[in-house]
Protein backbone atom coordinates (compact mmCIF):
# COMPACT_ATOMS: atom_id res chain seq x y z
CA MET A 1 1.38 -21.10 5.75
CA ASP A 2 2.81 -19.39 2.69
CA ALA A 3 3.76 -21.58 -0.21
CA GLY A 4 6.82 -20.14 -1.96
CA SER A 5 6.48 -20.44 -5.68
CA VAL A 6 9.37 -20.21 -8.09
CA ASN A 7 8.93 -18.16 -11.27
CA SER A 8 9.62 -20.08 -14.47
CA CYS A 9 11.16 -18.29 -17.41
CA SER A 10 8.60 -17.08 -19.87
CA ASP A 11 9.02 -16.99 -23.63
CA LEU A 12 7.31 -13.61 -23.61
CA LYS A 13 10.16 -11.93 -21.69
CA VAL A 14 11.79 -9.06 -23.49
CA GLN A 15 15.18 -10.26 -24.68
CA SER A 16 16.81 -6.82 -24.34
CA ARG A 17 16.54 -6.70 -20.54
CA PHE A 18 19.84 -6.53 -18.65
CA PRO A 19 20.30 -6.93 -14.88
CA LEU A 20 20.20 -3.73 -12.83
CA GLN A 21 19.60 -1.39 -15.75
CA ASP A 22 17.42 1.70 -15.32
CA GLN A 23 13.86 1.48 -16.53
CA HIS A 24 12.79 4.55 -18.52
CA PHE A 25 9.22 5.69 -18.36
CA GLN A 26 7.52 8.33 -20.47
CA ARG A 27 6.57 11.11 -18.11
CA ARG A 28 3.38 12.97 -18.88
CA ASN A 29 3.55 16.72 -19.25
CA SER A 30 2.36 18.30 -16.03
CA LYS A 31 0.28 20.78 -18.05
CA GLU A 32 -1.66 18.10 -19.90
CA ASN A 33 -5.35 17.47 -19.15
CA LEU A 34 -5.63 20.43 -16.81
CA ASP A 35 -9.05 22.12 -16.75
CA ARG A 36 -9.87 25.67 -15.66
CA PHE A 37 -11.67 26.22 -12.39
CA ILE A 38 -15.41 26.84 -12.74
CA PRO A 39 -17.21 28.16 -9.65
CA ASN A 40 -20.48 26.64 -8.49
CA ARG A 41 -23.11 28.99 -9.94
CA SER A 42 -26.07 27.24 -8.34
CA ALA A 43 -25.31 28.88 -5.01
CA ILE A 44 -25.23 32.45 -6.35
CA ASP A 45 -28.20 34.74 -5.54
CA TRP A 46 -29.12 35.89 -9.06
CA ASP A 47 -32.22 37.84 -7.96
CA TYR A 48 -30.16 39.96 -5.57
CA ALA A 49 -27.50 40.50 -8.23
CA HIS A 50 -30.13 41.74 -10.69
CA TYR A 51 -31.59 44.10 -8.08
CA MET A 52 -28.17 45.56 -7.27
CA LEU A 53 -27.42 46.15 -10.95
CA THR A 54 -30.77 47.93 -11.56
CA GLU A 55 -32.92 49.18 -8.69
CA GLY A 56 -30.35 48.97 -5.94
CA LYS A 57 -27.99 51.51 -7.49
CA LYS A 58 -30.74 54.14 -7.90
CA GLY A 59 -30.94 54.86 -4.22
CA LYS A 60 -27.17 55.24 -3.88
CA GLU A 61 -26.66 57.36 -6.97
CA ASN A 62 -29.73 59.61 -6.36
CA PRO A 63 -30.75 59.40 -2.70
CA ALA A 64 -34.37 60.50 -2.09
CA VAL A 65 -35.28 62.81 0.75
CA SER A 66 -36.93 60.79 3.50
CA SER A 67 -37.83 61.19 7.15
CA PRO A 68 -35.59 59.74 9.92
CA SER A 69 -38.23 57.12 10.75
CA ARG A 70 -38.43 55.97 7.13
CA GLU A 71 -34.64 55.78 6.93
CA ALA A 72 -34.49 53.67 10.13
CA TYR A 73 -37.18 51.35 8.76
CA ARG A 74 -35.22 50.93 5.49
CA LYS A 75 -32.03 50.02 7.33
CA GLN A 76 -33.85 47.50 9.53
CA LEU A 77 -35.52 45.94 6.49
CA ALA A 78 -32.21 45.70 4.63
CA GLU A 79 -30.54 44.04 7.60
CA THR A 80 -33.34 41.51 7.97
CA LEU A 81 -33.32 40.60 4.26
CA ASN A 82 -29.48 40.51 4.11
CA MET A 83 -29.40 43.36 1.58
CA ASN A 84 -26.42 45.24 3.04
CA ARG A 85 -23.93 43.23 1.03
CA THR A 86 -21.39 45.01 -1.14
CA ARG A 87 -20.68 42.15 -3.57
CA ILE A 88 -23.02 41.90 -6.53
CA LEU A 89 -22.39 38.19 -7.24
CA ALA A 90 -22.99 37.08 -3.68
CA PHE A 91 -24.00 33.67 -2.35
CA LYS A 92 -27.45 33.07 -0.88
CA ASN A 93 -26.50 32.10 2.67
CA LYS A 94 -24.30 33.83 5.20
CA PRO A 95 -21.29 31.87 6.38
CA PRO A 96 -21.85 30.30 9.79
CA ALA A 97 -20.47 32.19 12.74
CA PRO A 98 -17.30 30.66 14.21
CA VAL A 99 -17.85 28.66 17.37
CA GLU A 100 -15.44 29.38 20.19
CA LEU A 101 -14.58 25.92 21.44
CA ILE A 102 -12.01 27.09 23.96
CA PRO A 103 -12.53 30.19 26.14
CA GLN A 104 -10.34 33.14 25.28
CA GLU A 105 -8.44 33.09 28.55
CA HIS A 106 -7.37 29.44 28.01
CA THR A 107 -6.43 30.10 24.37
CA SER A 108 -3.97 32.81 25.22
CA LEU A 109 -2.39 30.71 27.97
CA SER A 110 -1.99 27.59 25.83
CA HIS A 111 -0.50 29.68 23.04
CA LEU A 112 2.25 30.83 25.35
CA GLN A 113 2.96 27.33 26.66
CA ALA A 114 2.72 25.40 23.34
CA LYS A 115 5.98 24.05 21.93
CA PRO A 116 6.80 24.78 18.29
CA THR A 117 5.49 21.92 16.17
CA LYS A 118 7.92 20.02 13.95
CA PRO A 119 7.13 20.50 10.25
CA ARG A 120 5.68 17.39 8.66
CA ARG A 121 8.20 15.52 6.54
CA HIS A 122 7.46 15.13 2.85
CA ILE A 123 7.34 11.44 1.89
CA PRO A 124 7.62 10.85 -1.89
CA GLN A 125 4.84 8.54 -3.07
CA THR A 126 6.80 7.02 -5.96
CA SER A 127 10.16 5.29 -6.20
CA GLU A 128 13.05 7.52 -7.17
CA ARG A 129 14.73 4.83 -9.26
CA THR A 130 13.74 1.51 -10.84
CA LEU A 131 16.15 -1.16 -12.07
CA ASP A 132 15.46 -4.37 -13.97
CA ALA A 133 15.93 -7.58 -11.96
CA PRO A 134 15.32 -10.42 -14.44
CA ASP A 135 15.24 -14.01 -13.11
CA LEU A 136 14.62 -12.91 -9.52
CA VAL A 137 13.33 -16.04 -7.75
CA ASP A 138 9.76 -15.40 -6.57
CA ASP A 139 10.01 -17.31 -3.27
CA PHE A 140 8.71 -15.91 0.03
CA TYR A 141 11.15 -17.94 2.16
CA LEU A 142 14.40 -16.71 0.59
CA ASN A 143 16.51 -13.62 1.36
CA LEU A 144 18.06 -12.37 -1.88
CA LEU A 145 18.79 -8.68 -1.22
CA ASP A 146 21.19 -6.88 1.16
CA TRP A 147 22.79 -3.41 1.31
CA GLY A 148 26.27 -3.42 2.87
CA SER A 149 28.05 -0.83 5.01
CA SER A 150 30.28 0.10 2.04
CA ASN A 151 27.18 1.35 0.17
CA VAL A 152 27.13 -1.61 -2.21
CA LEU A 153 23.91 -3.51 -2.76
CA ALA A 154 23.97 -7.26 -3.43
CA ILE A 155 21.13 -9.04 -5.21
CA ALA A 156 20.83 -12.65 -6.32
CA LEU A 157 19.17 -13.19 -9.70
CA GLY A 158 18.86 -16.90 -10.40
CA ASN A 159 22.35 -18.40 -10.15
CA THR A 160 24.19 -15.06 -10.24
CA VAL A 161 25.03 -12.53 -7.51
CA TYR A 162 25.31 -8.95 -8.76
CA LEU A 163 26.79 -5.97 -6.93
CA TRP A 164 25.37 -2.48 -7.51
CA ASP A 165 27.50 0.40 -6.19
CA ALA A 166 25.12 3.11 -4.93
CA SER A 167 27.82 5.79 -5.03
CA ASP A 168 28.21 5.72 -8.83
CA GLY A 169 25.47 3.35 -10.06
CA SER A 170 27.94 0.83 -11.50
CA THR A 171 27.08 -2.87 -11.70
CA SER A 172 29.41 -5.86 -11.49
CA GLU A 173 28.95 -9.62 -11.39
CA LEU A 174 30.41 -11.30 -8.31
CA VAL A 175 29.76 -14.97 -9.07
CA THR A 176 27.59 -17.32 -11.11
CA ILE A 177 26.80 -20.63 -9.41
CA ASP A 178 26.63 -23.92 -11.31
CA ASP A 179 23.15 -25.29 -11.94
CA GLU A 180 23.69 -28.41 -9.85
CA ILE A 181 24.27 -26.40 -6.65
CA GLY A 182 22.10 -23.35 -7.41
CA PRO A 183 20.12 -21.23 -7.39
CA VAL A 184 21.37 -18.73 -4.81
CA THR A 185 18.97 -18.78 -1.85
CA SER A 186 20.36 -16.04 0.41
CA VAL A 187 22.93 -13.20 0.53
CA ASN A 188 24.19 -11.21 3.52
CA TRP A 189 27.02 -8.68 3.93
CA ALA A 190 29.46 -8.98 6.82
CA PRO A 191 29.67 -5.87 9.07
CA ASP A 192 32.86 -4.71 7.31
CA GLY A 193 30.99 -4.23 4.02
CA ARG A 194 33.67 -6.15 2.14
CA HIS A 195 32.97 -9.83 2.80
CA ILE A 196 29.69 -11.44 1.81
CA ALA A 197 28.04 -14.79 2.56
CA ILE A 198 26.07 -16.61 -0.14
CA GLY A 199 23.66 -19.41 0.77
CA LEU A 200 22.99 -22.08 -1.84
CA ASN A 201 20.24 -24.49 -2.76
CA ASN A 202 22.53 -27.51 -2.10
CA SER A 203 23.02 -26.62 1.64
CA GLU A 204 26.47 -24.99 1.23
CA VAL A 205 27.48 -21.43 2.11
CA GLN A 206 30.22 -19.58 0.23
CA LEU A 207 32.26 -16.69 1.65
CA TRP A 208 33.55 -14.08 -0.80
CA ASP A 209 35.87 -11.08 -0.67
CA SER A 210 34.04 -8.56 -2.85
CA ALA A 211 37.01 -6.17 -3.15
CA ALA A 212 39.34 -8.87 -4.48
CA ASN A 213 36.50 -10.70 -6.27
CA ARG A 214 37.78 -13.92 -4.71
CA GLN A 215 36.11 -16.84 -2.93
CA LEU A 216 37.59 -17.39 0.54
CA ARG A 217 35.98 -20.65 1.62
CA THR A 218 32.92 -22.89 1.51
CA LEU A 219 31.05 -23.93 4.66
CA ARG A 220 29.82 -27.53 4.40
CA GLY A 221 28.32 -30.19 6.61
CA GLY A 222 25.98 -28.09 8.67
CA HIS A 223 22.67 -28.29 6.79
CA ARG A 224 20.95 -31.03 4.82
CA SER A 225 19.02 -28.72 2.45
CA ARG A 226 18.96 -25.17 1.13
CA VAL A 227 20.16 -22.25 3.28
CA GLY A 228 17.52 -19.52 2.96
CA SER A 229 18.54 -17.15 5.78
CA LEU A 230 21.84 -15.66 6.99
CA ALA A 231 22.84 -13.26 9.79
CA TRP A 232 26.27 -11.97 10.85
CA ASN A 233 27.35 -11.33 14.45
CA ASN A 234 30.95 -10.06 14.16
CA HIS A 235 32.97 -13.16 13.10
CA ILE A 236 30.01 -15.51 13.68
CA LEU A 237 27.86 -16.30 10.63
CA THR A 238 24.48 -17.75 11.59
CA THR A 239 22.74 -19.87 8.96
CA GLY A 240 19.15 -21.09 8.81
CA GLY A 241 18.07 -23.96 6.61
CA MET A 242 15.06 -25.75 5.23
CA ASP A 243 15.95 -28.57 7.63
CA GLY A 244 14.83 -26.35 10.55
CA GLN A 245 18.35 -26.05 11.98
CA ILE A 246 20.14 -22.84 12.97
CA ILE A 247 23.95 -23.04 13.07
CA ASN A 248 26.55 -20.59 14.37
CA ASN A 249 29.68 -20.74 12.21
CA ASP A 250 32.98 -19.19 13.35
CA VAL A 251 34.45 -18.27 9.97
CA ARG A 252 37.98 -17.86 11.44
CA ILE A 253 38.54 -21.53 12.26
CA ARG A 254 38.60 -24.76 10.27
CA SER A 255 35.89 -26.53 12.32
CA HIS A 256 33.45 -23.70 11.80
CA ILE A 257 30.31 -25.14 13.51
CA VAL A 258 30.37 -23.85 17.11
CA GLU A 259 26.68 -23.93 18.16
CA THR A 260 23.46 -25.46 16.89
CA TYR A 261 19.97 -24.16 17.72
CA ARG A 262 17.13 -26.64 17.28
CA GLY A 263 13.56 -25.49 17.80
CA HIS A 264 11.94 -25.08 14.39
CA GLN A 265 10.20 -28.03 12.75
CA GLN A 266 10.15 -26.45 9.28
CA GLU A 267 12.26 -24.06 7.20
CA VAL A 268 13.97 -21.15 8.98
CA CYS A 269 13.20 -18.15 6.77
CA GLY A 270 14.07 -15.23 9.08
CA LEU A 271 17.21 -14.56 11.16
CA LYS A 272 18.20 -11.31 12.90
CA TRP A 273 20.78 -10.60 15.62
CA SER A 274 20.10 -7.78 18.08
CA ALA A 275 22.38 -4.73 18.03
CA SER A 276 24.13 -5.94 21.19
CA GLY A 277 24.85 -9.32 19.62
CA GLN A 278 23.41 -11.09 22.66
CA GLN A 279 20.02 -12.20 21.32
CA LEU A 280 19.06 -13.89 18.06
CA ALA A 281 15.52 -13.88 16.68
CA SER A 282 14.47 -16.64 14.28
CA GLY A 283 11.26 -17.09 12.33
CA GLY A 284 10.06 -20.18 10.52
CA ASN A 285 7.52 -21.74 8.24
CA ASP A 286 6.14 -23.48 11.35
CA ASN A 287 4.62 -20.11 12.41
CA LEU A 288 7.07 -19.83 15.33
CA VAL A 289 9.40 -17.10 16.55
CA HIS A 290 12.28 -18.10 18.82
CA ILE A 291 14.55 -15.86 20.88
CA TRP A 292 17.98 -17.34 21.55
CA ASP A 293 20.46 -15.96 24.10
CA ARG A 294 24.14 -16.04 23.13
CA SER A 295 25.24 -16.51 26.74
CA LEU A 296 23.23 -19.75 26.92
CA ALA A 297 24.78 -21.22 23.77
CA SER A 298 26.43 -24.60 24.11
CA SER A 299 28.83 -26.34 21.73
CA ASN A 300 28.20 -29.75 23.30
CA SER A 301 24.45 -30.03 22.75
CA ALA A 302 21.56 -28.21 21.09
CA THR A 303 20.91 -24.89 22.80
CA GLN A 304 17.54 -24.30 24.46
CA TRP A 305 15.64 -21.22 23.32
CA LEU A 306 15.04 -18.33 25.70
CA HIS A 307 11.48 -17.68 24.44
CA ARG A 308 9.19 -19.63 22.10
CA LEU A 309 6.56 -17.24 20.67
CA GLU A 310 3.52 -18.98 19.19
CA ASP A 311 1.08 -16.12 18.50
CA HIS A 312 1.49 -15.99 14.70
CA ILE A 313 -0.70 -18.31 12.62
CA SER A 314 1.39 -18.21 9.44
CA ALA A 315 5.04 -18.29 8.41
CA VAL A 316 7.25 -15.63 10.01
CA LYS A 317 9.98 -14.23 7.78
CA ALA A 318 9.86 -10.50 8.64
CA LEU A 319 11.93 -9.69 11.75
CA ALA A 320 13.37 -6.35 12.87
CA TRP A 321 15.08 -5.26 16.10
CA CYS A 322 14.24 -1.75 17.29
CA PRO A 323 17.27 0.60 17.08
CA PHE A 324 16.20 2.78 20.03
CA GLN A 325 14.99 0.03 22.41
CA GLY A 326 17.27 -2.99 22.59
CA ASN A 327 14.71 -5.52 23.85
CA LEU A 328 11.96 -4.64 21.34
CA LEU A 329 11.41 -6.94 18.36
CA ALA A 330 8.89 -6.55 15.53
CA SER A 331 7.74 -9.64 13.61
CA GLY A 332 5.42 -10.03 10.62
CA GLY A 333 3.25 -12.98 9.62
CA GLY A 334 2.53 -14.36 6.16
CA GLY A 335 -0.67 -14.47 4.14
CA GLY A 336 -2.72 -16.41 6.69
CA ASP A 337 -1.70 -14.10 9.56
CA ARG A 338 -1.10 -10.58 8.14
CA CYS A 339 -0.15 -9.18 11.55
CA ILE A 340 2.78 -7.14 12.82
CA LYS A 341 3.52 -8.05 16.44
CA PHE A 342 5.81 -6.38 18.95
CA TRP A 343 7.66 -8.35 21.61
CA ASN A 344 9.54 -7.64 24.82
CA THR A 345 12.38 -10.13 24.35
CA HIS A 346 13.39 -9.97 28.02
CA THR A 347 10.02 -11.28 29.21
CA GLY A 348 8.63 -12.82 26.00
CA ALA A 349 5.45 -10.72 26.30
CA CYS A 350 3.53 -9.60 23.19
CA LEU A 351 3.17 -5.81 23.53
CA ASN A 352 0.92 -5.14 20.54
CA SER A 353 -0.52 -6.75 17.42
CA VAL A 354 -1.70 -4.88 14.30
CA ASP A 355 -3.62 -6.52 11.44
CA THR A 356 -2.17 -5.06 8.23
CA GLY A 357 -4.68 -6.77 5.92
CA SER A 358 -2.04 -8.41 3.72
CA GLN A 359 0.98 -10.71 3.76
CA VAL A 360 3.94 -9.16 5.63
CA CYS A 361 7.14 -9.93 3.71
CA SER A 362 9.69 -7.67 5.39
CA LEU A 363 10.12 -5.07 8.17
CA LEU A 364 12.57 -2.18 8.64
CA TRP A 365 12.93 0.34 11.47
CA SER A 366 13.96 3.90 10.66
CA LYS A 367 17.35 4.86 12.06
CA ASN A 368 16.31 8.52 12.29
CA GLU A 369 12.67 8.53 13.45
CA ARG A 370 10.37 6.33 15.52
CA GLU A 371 8.89 4.73 12.43
CA LEU A 372 8.51 1.24 11.00
CA LEU A 373 8.31 0.28 7.33
CA SER A 374 6.60 -2.91 6.18
CA SER A 375 6.49 -4.51 2.73
CA HIS A 376 3.49 -6.56 1.65
CA GLY A 377 2.16 -9.11 -0.80
CA PHE A 378 -1.42 -9.79 -1.85
CA THR A 379 -3.50 -7.73 -2.39
CA GLN A 380 -1.85 -4.33 -2.86
CA ASN A 381 1.88 -5.22 -2.98
CA GLN A 382 2.62 -1.97 -1.18
CA LEU A 383 5.00 -0.46 1.35
CA THR A 384 3.40 0.95 4.50
CA LEU A 385 5.09 3.46 6.81
CA TRP A 386 3.86 3.32 10.42
CA LYS A 387 4.32 5.75 13.29
CA TYR A 388 5.49 3.98 16.43
CA THR A 389 4.00 3.49 19.00
CA SER A 390 0.55 4.58 17.79
CA MET A 391 0.87 2.44 14.60
CA VAL A 392 -0.92 5.12 12.61
CA LYS A 393 -0.29 4.84 8.88
CA MET A 394 1.89 7.71 7.69
CA ALA A 395 2.10 6.68 4.02
CA GLU A 396 1.40 3.87 1.60
CA LEU A 397 3.81 3.55 -1.32
CA ASN A 398 2.74 1.74 -4.47
CA GLY A 399 4.59 0.81 -7.63
CA HIS A 400 5.37 -2.89 -7.51
CA THR A 401 2.90 -5.11 -9.32
CA SER A 402 3.80 -8.27 -7.40
CA ARG A 403 4.53 -9.06 -3.76
CA VAL A 404 7.42 -7.04 -2.31
CA LEU A 405 9.48 -9.98 -1.08
CA PHE A 406 12.79 -8.35 -0.13
CA MET A 407 13.67 -5.02 1.49
CA THR A 408 16.94 -3.51 2.72
CA GLN A 409 18.17 -0.15 3.98
CA SER A 410 21.07 2.09 2.93
CA PRO A 411 23.93 2.60 5.41
CA ASP A 412 22.85 6.18 6.18
CA GLY A 413 19.29 5.00 6.88
CA CYS A 414 17.65 7.34 4.35
CA SER A 415 16.91 5.13 1.34
CA VAL A 416 15.23 1.75 1.07
CA ALA A 417 15.62 -0.77 -1.74
CA THR A 418 12.88 -3.29 -2.51
CA ALA A 419 12.77 -6.27 -4.87
CA ALA A 420 9.54 -7.96 -5.93
CA GLY A 421 8.17 -10.82 -7.94
CA ASP A 422 7.61 -8.37 -10.81
CA GLU A 423 11.40 -8.58 -11.41
CA THR A 424 12.13 -4.97 -10.57
CA LEU A 425 14.37 -3.36 -7.97
CA ARG A 426 13.04 -0.04 -6.67
CA PHE A 427 14.61 2.66 -4.49
CA TRP A 428 12.50 4.79 -2.14
CA ASN A 429 13.45 7.94 -0.25
CA VAL A 430 11.06 7.08 2.55
CA PHE A 431 12.91 7.78 5.80
CA GLY A 432 14.23 11.25 4.96
CA VAL A 433 17.54 12.92 5.78
CA PRO A 434 18.72 12.67 9.40
CA GLU A 435 19.03 15.89 11.35
CA VAL A 436 22.58 17.16 11.86
CA ALA A 437 23.33 17.38 15.55
CA LYS A 438 24.48 20.81 16.70
CA PRO A 439 27.92 20.86 18.35
CA THR A 440 27.65 21.16 22.12
CA THR A 441 29.70 23.77 23.95
CA LYS A 442 30.88 23.44 27.49
CA ALA A 443 28.90 25.62 29.86
CA ASN A 444 31.85 26.15 32.20
CA PRO A 445 35.13 25.84 30.33
CA GLU A 446 38.11 24.69 32.32
CA PRO A 447 40.21 27.64 33.59
CA PHE A 448 43.44 28.23 31.66
CA SER A 449 42.52 25.50 29.19
CA HIS A 450 44.35 27.41 26.45
CA LEU A 451 47.70 27.16 28.25
CA THR A 452 50.12 24.24 27.99
CA ARG A 453 49.87 21.95 30.99
CA ILE A 454 52.88 21.60 33.29
CA ARG A 455 53.40 18.05 34.50
């Protein structure tokens, strides 16, 4: 299991740091420390070069009269000793002859049938932007970063929730929580990109209108301890707490608790609704993953899970539903597990398991390609881009110096923001720009479609 540790303020912190301000690095001149290319002289045939510069030229400049047999013998000798070369500074050995692996007749046929290959996408190896995130709580079990549909990113730093507008780079402070109820333990945007839920250390959840900068209500009475995970499903806000409970809250009504899911024995640190809104995946510090079906939910008693998945051997916080296959879920285990597992949520079967070699903190599917991005802790604190379904590594992105605890995706699916224990927020152009679909034309247009219809 992963023990979440909270960073204490250090006296050595630089006092001039401000939340969500750009970090400026001195870039090295690209022309510095460049050396000229020096060829490998050990492979050059110096004896032959000397011969060509002295004796070899004599025969070409002043050819001697010789018999046909002598001339044939000279040519044969030159061929045997590899002396028919035209370059003076030549290498000692001939290049090996190419080996024809595929017969010529098959090569020409496959060339005609081969489809044009898609050019390989360039994946930048460094973050395109870095912002300061002082006082970010270094706790594996929390969820302190979310990018809303209005292109505004929310991040909780200590007791304060900040909003960073990606369209113009402006920063604003939404709310600062009192010490007795803080710190903030989770943030999650509603689907409309305007309303945001804020989970607190004292078990309460606040709902805010970000456009009006106004608190709408506080949800109380559901949990007995901190609320570390949140997930929206239309007007239903699902909350997961350290008490192991999962609660569905209908934010439109006064008695907001409509369903309770009980299955975890320890803190619920991961919550994700499927795109259809029918299935909920939950991960906990008890190493369990549960799949809950909305149609089976009951307001009278605790709802029974659809599947209880026990294959992980460490805490499961990283959960991600596949955008192109509705019943496919990816989950990632903590430091004692290090695996990414794939599940068929209809049957509960584990389809694949990949050992990543390090703590899996977060998972994101690409909206544009069949790719999966994972963020990691010890030992490399890296991002890894995987090709699905082969799970071949496409890229490893480094830059954070502490575990990459939180990860979220821009509304267009191109950029990814990560926040780490090193108190920085980084932006990565990892998924690329989606292809623009070409407009489709009707093969057989309707006759007289340009004329006004007569009813």
